[in-house]
């Protein structure tokens, strides 16, 4: 890689510091041999899948400093607290001006083997500051119980941490702005399995634009962690006929984790 002049180097350093302030620490680049026109036509999330920046020599030894604030912390409870403090009273996207009451960070076991990731907080979640506490949350609790687990055994979070007005679908820019904090949560928790609840969570995490029928029923490799896709509990409340299909997805997860459903008498 040819050396950079001082002005360009400084501009890059300032830009990276700006992204660090937003909570974004992972960067990607196009491979040198890629056709630039073809890559430019990709969606933003597809571009990120082309090639990690780590494959190229660093611009300078400390170009990407500072490291993630939680990197030196071994206790996941403390590490998650650092991420939450870094998030602060977030104003990084428009949602902070559109009626959200509070940030909904995540809840559960910081050492969980299983992590559920949904779409966004709803009205109940925005009120209580905890994900999945409304009707959809009660159904998720029942799904977790059917797997032989308790809510406190797993970790639950969303792609974005603020309620969109009217519970609308999160916009791409909102997901892209907020999801780096979720990535940091995942990196700290190190779950064995992630379950993406619904199309928004699945498409954001996997950068795949496909219908649920194609996304379900298989395993994905997400940064070294197995990821499965199933229906969002809110969708199951609207269409209870799909609960059997969701149970099939959860049984696949249970098999991977070595879990057995509790017997009727135990319940």
Protein backbone atom coordinates (compact mmCIF):
# COMPACT_ATOMS: atom_id res chain seq x y z
CA UNK A 1 0.00 0.00 0.00
CA UNK A 2 1.57 3.36 -0.98
CA UNK A 3 2.27 5.80 1.88
CA UNK A 4 -0.33 8.47 2.59
CA UNK A 5 0.46 12.16 2.69
CA UNK A 6 0.13 13.85 6.08
CA UNK A 7 -3.10 15.71 5.28
CA UNK A 8 -4.94 12.61 4.08
CA UNK A 9 -3.66 10.58 7.03
CA UNK A 10 -4.91 13.21 9.49
CA UNK A 11 -8.28 13.37 7.74
CA UNK A 12 -8.67 9.60 8.08
CA UNK A 13 -7.70 9.70 11.74
CA UNK A 14 -10.30 12.40 12.42
CA UNK A 15 -12.98 10.46 10.55
CA UNK A 16 -12.26 7.30 12.53
CA UNK A 17 -12.37 9.22 15.79
CA UNK A 18 -15.76 10.57 14.71
CA UNK A 19 -17.05 7.02 14.16
CA UNK A 20 -15.67 5.94 17.54
CA UNK A 21 -17.71 8.70 19.14
CA UNK A 22 -20.77 7.20 17.46
CA UNK A 23 -19.90 3.83 18.96
CA UNK A 24 -18.76 2.33 15.66
CA UNK A 25 -15.49 0.42 15.87
CA UNK A 26 -15.64 -2.12 13.04
CA UNK A 27 -14.65 -0.94 9.56
CA UNK A 28 -14.70 -2.64 6.17
CA UNK A 29 -13.15 -1.96 2.78
CA UNK A 30 -13.46 -3.16 -0.80
CA UNK A 31 -10.78 -5.59 -1.99
CA UNK A 32 -8.27 -4.00 -4.36
CA UNK A 33 -9.22 -6.45 -7.10
CA UNK A 34 -12.96 -5.84 -6.87
CA UNK A 35 -14.75 -4.08 -9.66
CA UNK A 36 -15.46 -0.69 -8.12
CA UNK A 37 -18.51 0.01 -10.23
CA UNK A 38 -20.15 -3.29 -9.26
CA UNK A 39 -19.36 -2.81 -5.57
CA UNK A 40 -20.71 0.75 -5.61
CA UNK A 41 -24.07 -0.59 -6.76
CA UNK A 42 -24.40 -2.86 -3.72
CA UNK A 43 -26.60 -2.00 -0.77
CA UNK A 44 -24.64 -0.64 2.24
CA UNK A 45 -25.03 -3.85 4.24
CA UNK A 46 -23.88 -5.90 1.25
CA UNK A 47 -20.79 -3.77 0.85
CA UNK A 48 -19.77 -4.63 4.38
CA UNK A 49 -19.68 -8.30 3.46
CA UNK A 50 -17.14 -7.85 0.66
CA UNK A 51 -13.94 -7.80 2.67
CA UNK A 52 -12.87 -6.93 6.23
CA UNK A 53 -10.45 -4.07 6.64
CA UNK A 54 -8.22 -6.34 8.70
CA UNK A 55 -7.17 -8.00 5.45
CA UNK A 56 -5.26 -4.87 4.48
CA UNK A 57 -2.20 -3.38 6.21
CA UNK A 58 -3.16 -0.73 8.78
CA UNK A 59 -2.68 2.85 7.71
CA UNK A 60 -0.60 3.44 10.79
CA UNK A 61 0.11 1.61 14.02
CA UNK A 62 -2.47 3.44 16.14
CA UNK A 63 -4.89 4.51 13.38
CA UNK A 64 -7.80 2.62 14.92
CA UNK A 65 -7.11 3.61 18.53
CA UNK A 66 -8.76 3.92 20.92
CA UNK A 67 -9.96 0.34 21.19
CA UNK A 68 -13.50 -0.39 22.29
CA UNK A 69 -13.73 0.83 25.89
CA UNK A 70 -14.83 -2.60 27.14
CA UNK A 71 -12.02 -4.49 25.38
CA UNK A 72 -9.79 -4.72 28.46
CA UNK A 73 -12.62 -5.82 30.78
CA UNK A 74 -13.07 -9.55 31.40
CA UNK A 75 -16.24 -9.34 33.50
CA UNK A 76 -19.21 -9.25 31.07
CA UNK A 77 -21.38 -7.40 33.62
CA UNK A 78 -18.87 -4.56 33.78
CA UNK A 79 -18.30 -4.67 30.02
CA UNK A 80 -22.02 -4.31 29.30
CA UNK A 81 -22.18 -1.44 31.77
CA UNK A 82 -19.36 0.30 29.88
CA UNK A 83 -21.23 -0.11 26.58
CA UNK A 84 -24.38 1.29 28.16
CA UNK A 85 -22.44 4.26 29.50
CA UNK A 86 -20.88 4.77 26.07
CA UNK A 87 -24.35 4.78 24.54
CA UNK A 88 -25.41 7.46 26.99
CA UNK A 89 -28.62 9.40 26.39
CA UNK A 90 -28.21 8.64 22.71
CA UNK A 91 -28.95 11.34 20.13
CA UNK A 92 -27.19 9.66 17.19
CA UNK A 93 -30.34 9.24 15.07
CA UNK A 94 -33.68 11.01 14.73
CA UNK A 95 -35.53 8.70 17.12
CA UNK A 96 -34.46 10.71 20.15
CA UNK A 97 -36.58 13.57 18.77
CA UNK A 98 -39.60 11.43 17.88
CA UNK A 99 -41.14 10.66 21.24
CA UNK A 100 -39.00 7.96 22.79
CA UNK A 101 -39.12 8.02 26.60
CA UNK A 102 -35.95 6.08 27.27
CA UNK A 103 -33.32 3.81 25.79
CA UNK A 104 -34.03 0.07 26.00
CA UNK A 105 -30.59 -1.50 26.23
CA UNK A 106 -31.02 -5.22 26.89
CA UNK A 107 -31.68 -7.61 29.73
CA UNK A 108 -30.72 -11.06 30.93
CA UNK A 109 -27.73 -13.25 31.68
CA UNK A 110 -24.45 -11.58 30.61
CA UNK A 111 -23.00 -15.07 30.13
CA UNK A 112 -26.02 -16.50 28.32
CA UNK A 113 -25.55 -19.30 25.81
CA UNK A 114 -28.72 -18.17 24.03
CA UNK A 115 -29.49 -14.64 22.86
CA UNK A 116 -32.75 -13.42 21.36
CA UNK A 117 -32.66 -10.32 19.16
CA UNK A 118 -35.83 -8.55 18.13
CA UNK A 119 -36.63 -5.49 16.09
CA UNK A 120 -37.29 -2.48 18.33
CA UNK A 121 -38.96 -1.50 21.61
CA UNK A 122 -42.69 -0.99 21.66
CA UNK A 123 -44.83 1.18 23.92
CA UNK A 124 -44.55 -1.09 26.98
CA UNK A 125 -40.81 -1.47 26.51
CA UNK A 126 -40.37 2.28 26.12
CA UNK A 127 -42.31 2.79 29.34
CA UNK A 128 -40.43 0.19 31.40
CA UNK A 129 -37.00 0.38 29.80
CA UNK A 130 -36.79 -3.38 29.22
CA UNK A 131 -37.19 -5.36 25.98
CA UNK A 132 -40.12 -7.70 25.40
CA UNK A 133 -42.35 -6.89 28.37
CA UNK A 134 -45.66 -6.38 26.54
CA UNK A 135 -47.93 -9.01 25.00
CA UNK A 136 -45.20 -10.13 22.60
CA UNK A 137 -42.85 -10.34 25.56
CA UNK A 138 -45.22 -12.59 27.45
CA UNK A 139 -45.35 -14.91 24.46
CA UNK A 140 -41.55 -14.87 24.23
CA UNK A 141 -41.40 -15.80 27.93
CA UNK A 142 -43.65 -18.78 27.20
CA UNK A 143 -41.44 -19.78 24.27
CA UNK A 144 -38.37 -19.62 26.50
CA UNK A 145 -40.15 -21.66 29.20
CA UNK A 146 -41.14 -24.28 26.61
CA UNK A 147 -37.45 -24.67 25.82
CA UNK A 148 -36.75 -25.55 29.45
CA UNK A 149 -35.20 -22.18 30.26
CA UNK A 150 -36.12 -19.08 32.24
CA UNK A 151 -36.05 -15.52 31.01
CA UNK A 152 -33.11 -14.78 33.29
CA UNK A 153 -31.12 -17.60 31.67
CA UNK A 154 -31.01 -15.90 28.25
CA UNK A 155 -30.14 -12.42 27.02
CA UNK A 156 -32.70 -10.33 25.14
CA UNK A 157 -32.05 -7.23 23.04
CA UNK A 158 -33.23 -5.43 19.91
CA UNK A 159 -31.62 -4.15 16.73
CA UNK A 160 -32.43 -0.58 17.79
CA UNK A 161 -32.79 0.70 21.32
CA UNK A 162 -35.42 3.43 20.93
CA UNK A 163 -39.09 3.06 20.11
CA UNK A 164 -39.96 4.24 16.59
CA UNK A 165 -43.05 6.48 16.55
CA UNK A 166 -46.23 4.47 16.24
CA UNK A 167 -44.18 1.26 16.41
CA UNK A 168 -43.30 1.68 12.74
CA UNK A 169 -40.61 -0.48 11.15
CA UNK A 170 -37.13 0.90 11.87
CA UNK A 171 -35.51 2.63 8.94
CA UNK A 172 -32.22 1.41 7.53
CA UNK A 173 -30.28 4.43 8.77
CA UNK A 174 -31.61 3.89 12.30
CA UNK A 175 -30.55 0.24 12.22
CA UNK A 176 -27.12 1.06 10.86
CA UNK A 177 -26.57 3.77 13.48
CA UNK A 178 -27.72 1.70 16.46
CA UNK A 179 -26.63 -1.85 15.60
CA UNK A 180 -22.89 -1.30 16.35
CA UNK A 181 -23.81 -1.16 20.04
CA UNK A 182 -25.68 -4.46 19.66
CA UNK A 183 -22.60 -5.95 17.98
CA UNK A 184 -20.57 -4.95 21.01
CA UNK A 185 -23.13 -6.56 23.32
CA UNK A 186 -22.92 -9.79 21.33
CA UNK A 187 -19.12 -9.71 21.46
CA UNK A 188 -19.21 -9.39 25.25
CA UNK A 189 -21.89 -12.02 25.91
CA UNK A 190 -20.44 -14.54 23.42
CA UNK A 191 -23.62 -16.62 23.09
CA UNK A 192 -23.45 -20.07 21.52
CA UNK A 193 -26.66 -19.40 19.60
CA UNK A 194 -28.46 -16.24 18.48
CA UNK A 195 -32.13 -16.33 17.51
CA UNK A 196 -33.21 -13.48 15.24
CA UNK A 197 -36.87 -12.72 15.90
CA UNK A 198 -38.55 -11.52 12.74
CA UNK A 199 -37.52 -10.18 9.36
CA UNK A 200 -35.98 -6.88 10.47
CA UNK A 201 -33.62 -8.56 12.94
CA UNK A 202 -32.72 -11.31 10.49
CA UNK A 203 -32.10 -9.03 7.51
CA UNK A 204 -30.09 -6.54 9.56
CA UNK A 205 -27.86 -9.17 11.16
CA UNK A 206 -27.37 -11.26 8.03
CA UNK A 207 -27.50 -8.51 5.39
CA UNK A 208 -29.78 -10.74 3.35
CA UNK A 209 -32.92 -9.39 1.71
CA UNK A 210 -35.10 -12.48 1.59
CA UNK A 211 -38.57 -13.50 2.81
CA UNK A 212 -38.95 -15.30 6.12
CA UNK A 213 -39.80 -18.53 4.34
CA UNK A 214 -36.28 -18.56 2.90
CA UNK A 215 -34.52 -17.27 6.01
CA UNK A 216 -35.94 -19.88 8.38
CA UNK A 217 -34.98 -23.52 8.65
CA UNK A 218 -31.18 -23.30 8.47
CA UNK A 219 -28.15 -22.23 10.44
CA UNK A 220 -26.10 -19.14 9.68
CA UNK A 221 -22.59 -18.31 10.79
CA UNK A 222 -22.66 -14.89 12.43
CA UNK A 223 -19.14 -13.85 13.39
CA UNK A 224 -18.41 -17.36 14.63
CA UNK A 225 -21.77 -17.77 16.38
CA UNK A 226 -24.61 -19.93 15.11
CA UNK A 227 -27.69 -17.92 14.21
CA UNK A 228 -31.22 -19.13 13.58
CA UNK A 229 -34.23 -17.17 12.34
CA UNK A 230 -37.80 -17.50 13.53
CA UNK A 231 -40.98 -15.46 13.63
CA UNK A 232 -41.30 -12.42 15.88
CA UNK A 233 -43.70 -13.07 18.79
CA UNK A 234 -45.79 -10.06 17.71
CA UNK A 235 -46.34 -11.77 14.34
CA UNK A 236 -47.31 -15.00 16.12
CA UNK A 237 -49.94 -13.08 18.07
CA UNK A 238 -51.41 -11.90 14.77
CA UNK A 239 -51.15 -15.33 13.14
CA UNK A 240 -51.19 -18.09 15.79
CA UNK A 241 -51.16 -20.74 13.05
CA UNK A 242 -47.42 -20.12 12.67
CA UNK A 243 -46.64 -21.07 16.27
CA UNK A 244 -45.99 -24.66 15.20
CA UNK A 245 -43.43 -23.47 12.70
CA UNK A 246 -41.76 -21.28 15.32
CA UNK A 247 -41.62 -24.26 17.67
CA UNK A 248 -39.78 -26.23 14.99
CA UNK A 249 -37.21 -23.44 14.84
CA UNK A 250 -36.81 -23.45 18.61
CA UNK A 251 -36.46 -27.23 18.70
CA UNK A 252 -33.53 -26.91 16.32
CA UNK A 253 -31.97 -24.44 18.74
CA UNK A 254 -32.66 -26.74 21.69
CA UNK A 255 -30.92 -29.61 19.95
CA UNK A 256 -27.88 -27.43 19.32
CA UNK A 257 -27.74 -26.40 22.98
CA UNK A 258 -28.54 -29.85 24.36
CA UNK A 259 -31.83 -28.71 25.92
CA UNK A 260 -34.91 -30.80 26.62
CA UNK A 261 -38.43 -29.48 26.95
CA UNK A 262 -39.87 -29.85 30.49
CA UNK A 263 -42.41 -32.61 30.98
CA UNK A 264 -46.05 -31.72 31.47
CA UNK A 265 -45.89 -32.93 35.10
CA UNK A 266 -42.89 -30.68 35.78
CA UNK A 267 -44.90 -27.69 34.64
